[in-house]
Amino acid sequence: MKNIFIKFCIALFGIITFINAFSSSKDIVIIESYSKSFKWDADYSKALSERLGKKYKLTFFEMDTKRIPKSDHEKMGLKAWELIQQIKPVLVILGDDAALKFVGPHLESNKIRSVYLGINNNPRVYFENDPKYFTGILERPLMRRSALFIKEIIPNAKNVLIMFDSDRTSEIVHEDFFSSKPSVVFSGINYDIFLNKTFNEWQKHVIDAPKKYDAIITGLYQSITDEKGKNVDAEKTITWTSQNSKLPLFAFWDFAVGKNKALGGLVLTGYTQGKAAAEVGVICKNPRDCIPKRTYSLI
C-alpha cells in the first residue's frame, strides 16, 4: 500500500508539472517602459493583442518611466522581473529602452526567450556579454529623411529647431544622431537640438524660435516637468506648442501629428513596431535563433 501511495504521489506530481508547463506555454508577458496612457504604448499593445491575443494569454506590465523619478526606474524593473518569475511565460516582449535595460539582463541570465521593440540604443550595451536569447525591432527617428522632406516643403530653409525632453530615449537620440553635439547639417539645413527638462524651458525655445529658425520639429516631450518637478500632461505640451509656434511644426512620431498638434512629418508609429515584434516573436521559436544579429530596423 505504501508503494502504491508513493507511485500515486509521483504520478500526481508529474501531472501537475505537465499542467503547469502547458499553461505557461500559452503565456506571454509584455513589459512596457511607459504606460498605455501614451499613444505609442497603446498602439504597439494593440498590434500585439491583435496578432498574439487569440493564441496566447497576454499580461502587460507598465513601468511608467516617463512619469516616475529616474531613481525609481530600477525598482520598477525588479517588479517586472518578479511578475515574469511568477508567470513563467514562453516569451517576454520588452517595449523601449528602459525595459531592456532593467529587465533584459535578468531574462538573458535565466535563458528566457525575449523580443524587444522600440529600442533606440545599441541593444548590446544593456548586457555584459552579447545576448543569446534576444532579437527585436530597432526604433530610429527618420532624421535624414525628414531633412529631405522639409527641404521639399520649405526650399529656402536654412535652420531648423529640434525639440526633445531630457528622457533616456532623447539622450540616446542626441548621442546617436548628433554625437552629443548641439548641431548637425543634413541636406544643407542646419539642425539644432535642445533637450528640455522643464515646460518653461520648452516654451522659451518655441517663442524665441522665429529669431533664428525656419521650422520646428518635435521629438519626445512626455517627460517635461513644471517648475515644481511635476510631470506636465503630454497633450498640454504639444497643444501649447501648436497654438504658440509661429513656425511650421513637424514631428518624428505619429502621436505628435493631428489637430492642435504638428501638421505632419515622416513619422514612426507604435503600431508598426508592435506588429513587427509579434511577427518576430512567432518566427523565433527556437531560443538559439533569438540572437542579436537578427535585429530588425523598420527604416
Protein backbone atom coordinates (compact mmCIF):
# COMPACT_ATOMS: atom_id res chain seq x y z
CA MET A 1 0.00 0.00 0.00
CA LYS A 2 2.85 2.37 0.84
CA ASN A 3 4.48 1.76 -2.56
CA ILE A 4 1.17 2.39 -4.32
CA PHE A 5 0.77 5.65 -2.45
CA ILE A 6 4.31 6.75 -3.39
CA LYS A 7 3.67 5.87 -7.03
CA PHE A 8 0.40 7.81 -6.90
CA CYS A 9 2.17 10.88 -5.50
CA ILE A 10 4.86 10.67 -8.17
CA ALA A 11 2.21 10.36 -10.89
CA LEU A 12 0.22 13.25 -9.43
CA PHE A 13 3.35 15.39 -9.27
CA GLY A 14 4.04 14.59 -12.92
CA ILE A 15 0.52 15.59 -13.95
CA ILE A 16 0.76 18.87 -12.04
CA THR A 17 4.15 19.59 -13.60
CA PHE A 18 2.74 18.88 -17.05
CA ILE A 19 -0.26 21.14 -16.46
CA ASN A 20 1.96 23.95 -15.20
CA ALA A 21 4.27 23.58 -18.18
CA PHE A 22 1.33 23.59 -20.58
CA SER A 23 -0.27 26.65 -19.04
CA SER A 24 2.96 28.62 -19.07
CA SER A 25 3.47 27.74 -22.74
CA LYS A 26 0.46 29.93 -23.52
CA ASP A 27 1.63 32.95 -21.54
CA ILE A 28 3.40 35.99 -22.95
CA VAL A 29 4.44 38.91 -20.74
CA ILE A 30 4.82 42.39 -22.24
CA ILE A 31 6.87 44.86 -20.22
CA GLU A 32 6.14 48.47 -21.17
CA SER A 33 8.76 51.09 -20.35
CA TYR A 34 5.97 53.66 -20.21
CA SER A 35 2.18 53.17 -19.97
CA LYS A 36 -0.86 52.90 -22.23
CA SER A 37 -1.78 56.48 -21.40
CA PHE A 38 0.77 57.25 -24.13
CA LYS A 39 -0.35 56.60 -27.68
CA TRP A 40 2.94 54.88 -28.53
CA ASP A 41 2.34 52.17 -25.91
CA ALA A 42 -1.36 51.90 -26.68
CA ASP A 43 -0.66 51.40 -30.39
CA TYR A 44 2.01 48.72 -30.08
CA SER A 45 -0.02 46.97 -27.39
CA LYS A 46 -2.99 46.92 -29.75
CA ALA A 47 -0.89 45.35 -32.51
CA LEU A 48 0.48 42.71 -30.14
CA SER A 49 -3.01 41.87 -28.88
CA GLU A 50 -4.41 41.57 -32.39
CA ARG A 51 -1.68 39.24 -33.56
CA LEU A 52 -0.94 37.20 -30.45
CA GLY A 53 -4.01 37.57 -28.22
CA LYS A 54 -6.02 34.74 -29.81
CA LYS A 55 -3.38 32.07 -29.27
CA TYR A 56 -1.70 33.33 -26.10
CA LYS A 57 -2.61 34.87 -22.78
CA LEU A 58 -1.01 38.32 -22.72
CA THR A 59 -0.04 40.03 -19.48
CA PHE A 60 1.04 43.67 -19.61
CA PHE A 61 3.17 45.46 -17.01
CA GLU A 62 3.68 49.24 -17.10
CA MET A 63 6.97 50.60 -15.74
CA ASP A 64 5.70 54.17 -16.32
CA THR A 65 9.24 55.58 -16.55
CA LYS A 66 8.10 58.72 -18.37
CA ARG A 67 6.42 59.99 -15.21
CA ILE A 68 8.15 58.46 -12.20
CA PRO A 69 11.57 59.66 -10.94
CA LYS A 70 14.59 58.10 -12.61
CA SER A 71 15.70 56.83 -9.21
CA ASP A 72 12.65 54.50 -9.23
CA HIS A 73 13.20 53.02 -12.69
CA GLU A 74 15.31 50.11 -11.47
CA LYS A 75 12.72 49.29 -8.78
CA MET A 76 10.03 49.04 -11.45
CA GLY A 77 12.32 46.76 -13.43
CA LEU A 78 12.62 44.46 -10.43
CA LYS A 79 8.83 44.38 -10.03
CA ALA A 80 8.52 43.44 -13.69
CA TRP A 81 11.05 40.65 -13.20
CA GLU A 82 9.13 39.34 -10.17
CA LEU A 83 5.98 39.16 -12.31
CA ILE A 84 7.82 37.25 -15.03
CA GLN A 85 9.11 34.74 -12.46
CA GLN A 86 5.57 34.16 -11.22
CA ILE A 87 4.02 33.65 -14.65
CA LYS A 88 6.92 31.76 -16.29
CA PRO A 89 5.96 32.82 -19.83
CA VAL A 90 7.05 31.18 -23.04
CA LEU A 91 8.04 34.60 -24.36
CA VAL A 92 8.71 38.09 -22.98
CA ILE A 93 8.34 41.23 -25.08
CA LEU A 94 10.12 44.37 -23.90
CA GLY A 95 8.89 47.77 -25.06
CA ASP A 96 11.55 50.50 -25.34
CA ASP A 97 14.96 51.06 -23.78
CA ALA A 98 14.12 51.26 -20.08
CA ALA A 99 12.55 47.80 -20.09
CA LEU A 100 15.51 46.31 -21.95
CA LYS A 101 17.99 47.97 -19.62
CA PHE A 102 16.39 47.00 -16.32
CA VAL A 103 14.71 43.69 -17.21
CA GLY A 104 16.73 42.36 -20.14
CA PRO A 105 19.78 41.14 -18.18
CA HIS A 106 17.55 39.07 -15.85
CA LEU A 107 15.91 37.40 -18.84
CA GLU A 108 19.22 36.67 -20.53
CA SER A 109 20.85 35.16 -17.44
CA ASN A 110 17.81 32.91 -16.98
CA LYS A 111 17.72 31.91 -20.67
CA ILE A 112 14.21 33.26 -21.26
CA ARG A 113 13.37 33.85 -24.91
CA SER A 114 12.66 37.54 -25.43
CA VAL A 115 11.84 40.08 -28.12
CA TYR A 116 12.33 43.83 -27.82
CA LEU A 117 10.77 46.73 -29.71
CA GLY A 118 11.26 50.48 -29.82
CA ILE A 119 14.97 50.30 -28.99
CA ASN A 120 16.96 53.43 -29.81
CA ASN A 121 20.29 52.43 -28.34
CA ASN A 122 22.52 49.58 -29.45
CA PRO A 123 20.84 46.62 -27.67
CA ARG A 124 24.20 45.12 -26.72
CA VAL A 125 25.02 47.99 -24.35
CA TYR A 126 22.47 46.66 -21.88
CA PHE A 127 24.29 43.34 -21.42
CA GLU A 128 27.70 42.37 -20.07
CA ASN A 129 28.10 39.88 -22.94
CA ASP A 130 26.38 39.53 -26.30
CA PRO A 131 22.88 38.17 -25.51
CA LYS A 132 21.87 34.78 -26.93
CA TYR A 133 18.16 34.83 -26.14
CA PHE A 134 17.12 38.14 -27.69
CA THR A 135 16.00 39.52 -31.00
CA GLY A 136 13.85 42.50 -31.85
CA ILE A 137 12.99 45.73 -33.58
CA LEU A 138 15.01 48.94 -33.51
CA GLU A 139 13.40 52.37 -33.44
CA ARG A 140 15.19 55.03 -35.47
CA PRO A 141 13.67 58.52 -35.91
CA LEU A 142 13.82 59.39 -39.61
CA MET A 143 16.14 62.34 -39.19
CA ARG A 144 17.88 62.32 -42.57
CA ARG A 145 14.70 61.58 -44.50
CA SER A 146 12.95 64.35 -42.60
CA ALA A 147 15.68 66.72 -43.73
CA LEU A 148 14.88 65.92 -47.36
CA PHE A 149 11.16 66.18 -46.59
CA ILE A 150 11.49 69.66 -45.10
CA LYS A 151 13.75 70.78 -47.94
CA GLU A 152 11.00 69.91 -50.41
CA ILE A 153 8.32 71.76 -48.41
CA ILE A 154 10.46 74.76 -47.42
CA PRO A 155 13.13 75.04 -50.15
CA ASN A 156 14.75 78.12 -48.57
CA ALA A 157 15.04 76.61 -45.08
CA LYS A 158 18.47 77.11 -43.53
CA ASN A 159 17.95 76.44 -39.83
CA VAL A 160 15.56 74.05 -38.09
CA LEU A 161 14.98 73.61 -34.36
CA ILE A 162 14.54 70.08 -32.97
CA MET A 163 12.87 69.82 -29.56
CA PHE A 164 13.11 66.85 -27.18
CA ASP A 165 12.59 66.29 -23.49
CA SER A 166 15.51 65.04 -21.37
CA ASP A 167 14.38 61.43 -21.00
CA ARG A 168 16.66 58.41 -21.60
CA THR A 169 15.42 57.92 -25.17
CA SER A 170 16.01 61.57 -26.00
CA GLU A 171 19.57 61.37 -24.70
CA ILE A 172 20.16 58.27 -26.85
CA VAL A 173 18.84 60.01 -29.97
CA HIS A 174 21.04 63.01 -29.22
CA GLU A 175 24.10 60.81 -28.87
CA ASP A 176 23.29 58.60 -31.85
CA PHE A 177 22.38 61.18 -34.50
CA PHE A 178 24.16 64.25 -33.17
CA SER A 179 27.17 62.61 -31.47
CA SER A 180 26.03 64.60 -28.41
CA LYS A 181 26.76 67.84 -30.29
CA PRO A 182 24.28 70.75 -30.34
CA SER A 183 24.05 70.91 -34.15
CA VAL A 184 24.30 68.86 -37.32
CA VAL A 185 23.86 69.62 -41.02
CA PHE A 186 21.62 67.46 -43.23
CA SER A 187 20.83 68.34 -46.87
CA GLY A 188 22.15 71.85 -46.48
CA ILE A 189 20.00 72.58 -43.43
CA ASN A 190 21.46 73.25 -40.00
CA TYR A 191 19.60 71.38 -37.26
CA ASP A 192 19.96 72.49 -33.64
CA ILE A 193 18.70 70.11 -30.96
CA PHE A 194 17.64 71.06 -27.45
CA LEU A 195 16.86 68.59 -24.65
CA ASN A 196 14.42 70.38 -22.37
CA LYS A 197 13.76 69.44 -18.76
CA THR A 198 11.02 71.93 -17.89
CA PHE A 199 7.95 73.30 -19.63
CA ASN A 200 9.23 76.85 -19.12
CA GLU A 201 12.42 75.94 -20.96
CA TRP A 202 10.40 74.33 -23.76
CA GLN A 203 8.12 77.36 -24.06
CA LYS A 204 11.03 79.79 -24.24
CA HIS A 205 12.63 77.90 -27.13
CA VAL A 206 9.36 77.87 -29.05
CA ILE A 207 8.69 81.58 -28.51
CA ASP A 208 12.25 82.57 -29.44
CA ALA A 209 12.49 80.22 -32.43
CA PRO A 210 11.45 82.73 -35.16
CA LYS A 211 14.56 84.80 -34.40
CA LYS A 212 16.78 82.10 -35.94
CA TYR A 213 14.81 79.14 -37.33
CA ASP A 214 12.58 78.38 -40.30
CA ALA A 215 10.72 75.40 -38.76
CA ILE A 216 10.41 73.30 -35.60
CA ILE A 217 10.40 69.51 -35.27
CA THR A 218 9.05 67.99 -32.06
CA GLY A 219 10.60 64.78 -30.84
CA LEU A 220 9.65 63.39 -27.43
CA TYR A 221 8.07 65.62 -24.79
CA GLN A 222 6.34 63.23 -22.38
CA SER A 223 8.86 63.79 -19.57
CA ILE A 224 8.63 67.58 -19.48
CA THR A 225 8.03 68.85 -15.93
CA ASP A 226 6.68 72.06 -14.41
CA GLU A 227 8.58 74.33 -12.02
CA LYS A 228 7.68 72.01 -9.12
CA GLY A 229 9.08 68.95 -10.85
CA LYS A 230 5.63 67.51 -11.61
CA ASN A 231 5.12 65.85 -14.98
CA VAL A 232 3.26 68.07 -17.48
CA ASP A 233 0.49 66.37 -19.43
CA ALA A 234 1.88 65.44 -22.86
CA GLU A 235 -1.24 66.66 -24.68
CA LYS A 236 -0.90 70.04 -22.99
CA THR A 237 2.71 70.33 -24.18
CA ILE A 238 2.03 69.56 -27.84
CA THR A 239 -1.19 71.60 -27.93
CA TRP A 240 0.52 74.64 -26.45
CA THR A 241 3.37 74.23 -28.95
CA SER A 242 0.96 74.07 -31.88
CA GLN A 243 -1.01 77.11 -30.73
CA ASN A 244 2.01 79.27 -29.94
CA SER A 245 4.53 78.36 -32.61
CA LYS A 246 4.81 80.99 -35.36
CA LEU A 247 6.81 78.50 -37.47
CA PRO A 248 5.71 75.34 -39.34
CA LEU A 249 5.61 72.46 -36.85
CA PHE A 250 6.68 68.94 -37.85
CA ALA A 251 7.18 65.70 -35.91
CA PHE A 252 9.14 62.41 -35.82
CA TRP A 253 6.34 60.33 -34.21
CA ASP A 254 2.70 59.98 -35.24
CA PHE A 255 1.34 60.77 -31.78
CA ALA A 256 2.52 64.36 -32.25
CA VAL A 257 0.61 64.87 -35.52
CA GLY A 258 -3.02 65.98 -35.78
CA LYS A 259 -5.45 68.70 -34.77
CA ASN A 260 -3.76 71.16 -32.39
CA LYS A 261 -0.50 69.28 -32.95
CA ALA A 262 2.18 69.15 -35.64
CA LEU A 263 1.00 69.47 -39.23
CA GLY A 264 2.90 66.36 -40.40
CA GLY A 265 6.24 64.68 -40.89
CA LEU A 266 7.92 61.37 -41.74
CA VAL A 267 6.83 59.58 -38.60
CA LEU A 268 7.31 56.34 -36.71
CA THR A 269 4.26 54.52 -35.31
CA GLY A 270 3.88 52.27 -32.31
CA TYR A 271 1.51 50.00 -34.21
CA THR A 272 4.11 49.02 -36.82
CA GLN A 273 6.62 48.33 -34.05
CA GLY A 274 4.16 46.04 -32.26
CA LYS A 275 3.20 44.27 -35.47
CA ALA A 276 6.83 43.61 -36.37
CA ALA A 277 7.68 42.42 -32.84
CA ALA A 278 4.75 39.99 -32.88
CA GLU A 279 5.88 38.55 -36.20
CA VAL A 280 9.46 38.16 -34.97
CA GLY A 281 8.24 36.53 -31.76
CA VAL A 282 6.28 33.90 -33.66
CA ILE A 283 9.08 33.18 -36.14
CA CYS A 284 11.75 32.92 -33.46
CA LYS A 285 10.53 29.65 -31.90
CA ASN A 286 13.97 28.28 -31.05
CA PRO A 287 15.82 30.31 -28.38
CA ARG A 288 19.06 29.74 -30.25
CA ASP A 289 17.60 31.69 -33.17
CA CYS A 290 16.98 34.72 -30.96
CA ILE A 291 20.38 36.30 -31.38
CA PRO A 292 21.39 39.95 -31.78
CA LYS A 293 22.36 39.59 -35.44
CA ARG A 294 18.65 39.01 -36.07
CA THR A 295 17.83 42.57 -35.07
CA TYR A 296 15.46 44.36 -37.41
CA SER A 297 15.05 48.02 -38.26
CA LEU A 298 11.88 49.50 -39.76
CA ILE A 299 13.66 52.32 -41.61
